[in-house]
Amino acid sequence: MERAALEHVEEKIREEVTRRFPDAPVDRVSLLQYGDEPIVEPGELMVRVTLTCADDEDERERTIHDFERGYHDAIREFREDLDAKLPEARRLEFRVADGAKGPAIVLARPGRQLESRAAAGGDLTPVMARLGSTDLETLDTLITAGVAPNRAEAVRWALARIRERPAYQQLVARTREIEELKAQF
């Protein structure tokens, strides 16, 4: 998204946050795109609402929990409206001013493609992996090239390519042989 368009959307979101959370200690509202944060994938956006609070760790905890309790319904409605009006905003994050050290409320909208597969009887298991910058760059290149719509699908695509290799079939056969030998002990 172009910088000017991003700033315009960010301003609209800021107005919406002020309207929906009138008494909340909101410090700033940011609309992040790919490249701003590693968690944001190509073509996605993330809305980050930063709350002000004291530097004390207990105060940070209290601030985020009080916000969540006091605005539970408004947070849910805001997430639903973002889904409808700005589907690229796959994550909505509320965090305290020193986010690296404090708690956060992160509402991620699950991938529609994954949801539809699961609903169609697909047997999918969620897997979390911590990737370095080179691995993220590889996945993001697959997304940018149109090979996969998101990082999860890019990983599935790469695994499917590995299964097609003859060496993988040999590895599967050897693994079965090893298991049979183990069973003999």
Foldseek 3Di string as FASTA:
>chain_A
DDPVVLVVVQVVVVVVCCVLVVPFQWDGKHKAAPPPDLVHAHLAIAIETEGEFDPDAVGQVVSQVCSCVVRVVSVVVVVVVCCVPPVRHQKYKYGYPPRVRHDIDIHGHDDPVVVVCVVVVHDDDDDDDDDDPVLSVVQRVCCVVVVDVTSVVSVVVVVVVVCPDPVVVVVVVVVVVVVVVVVVD
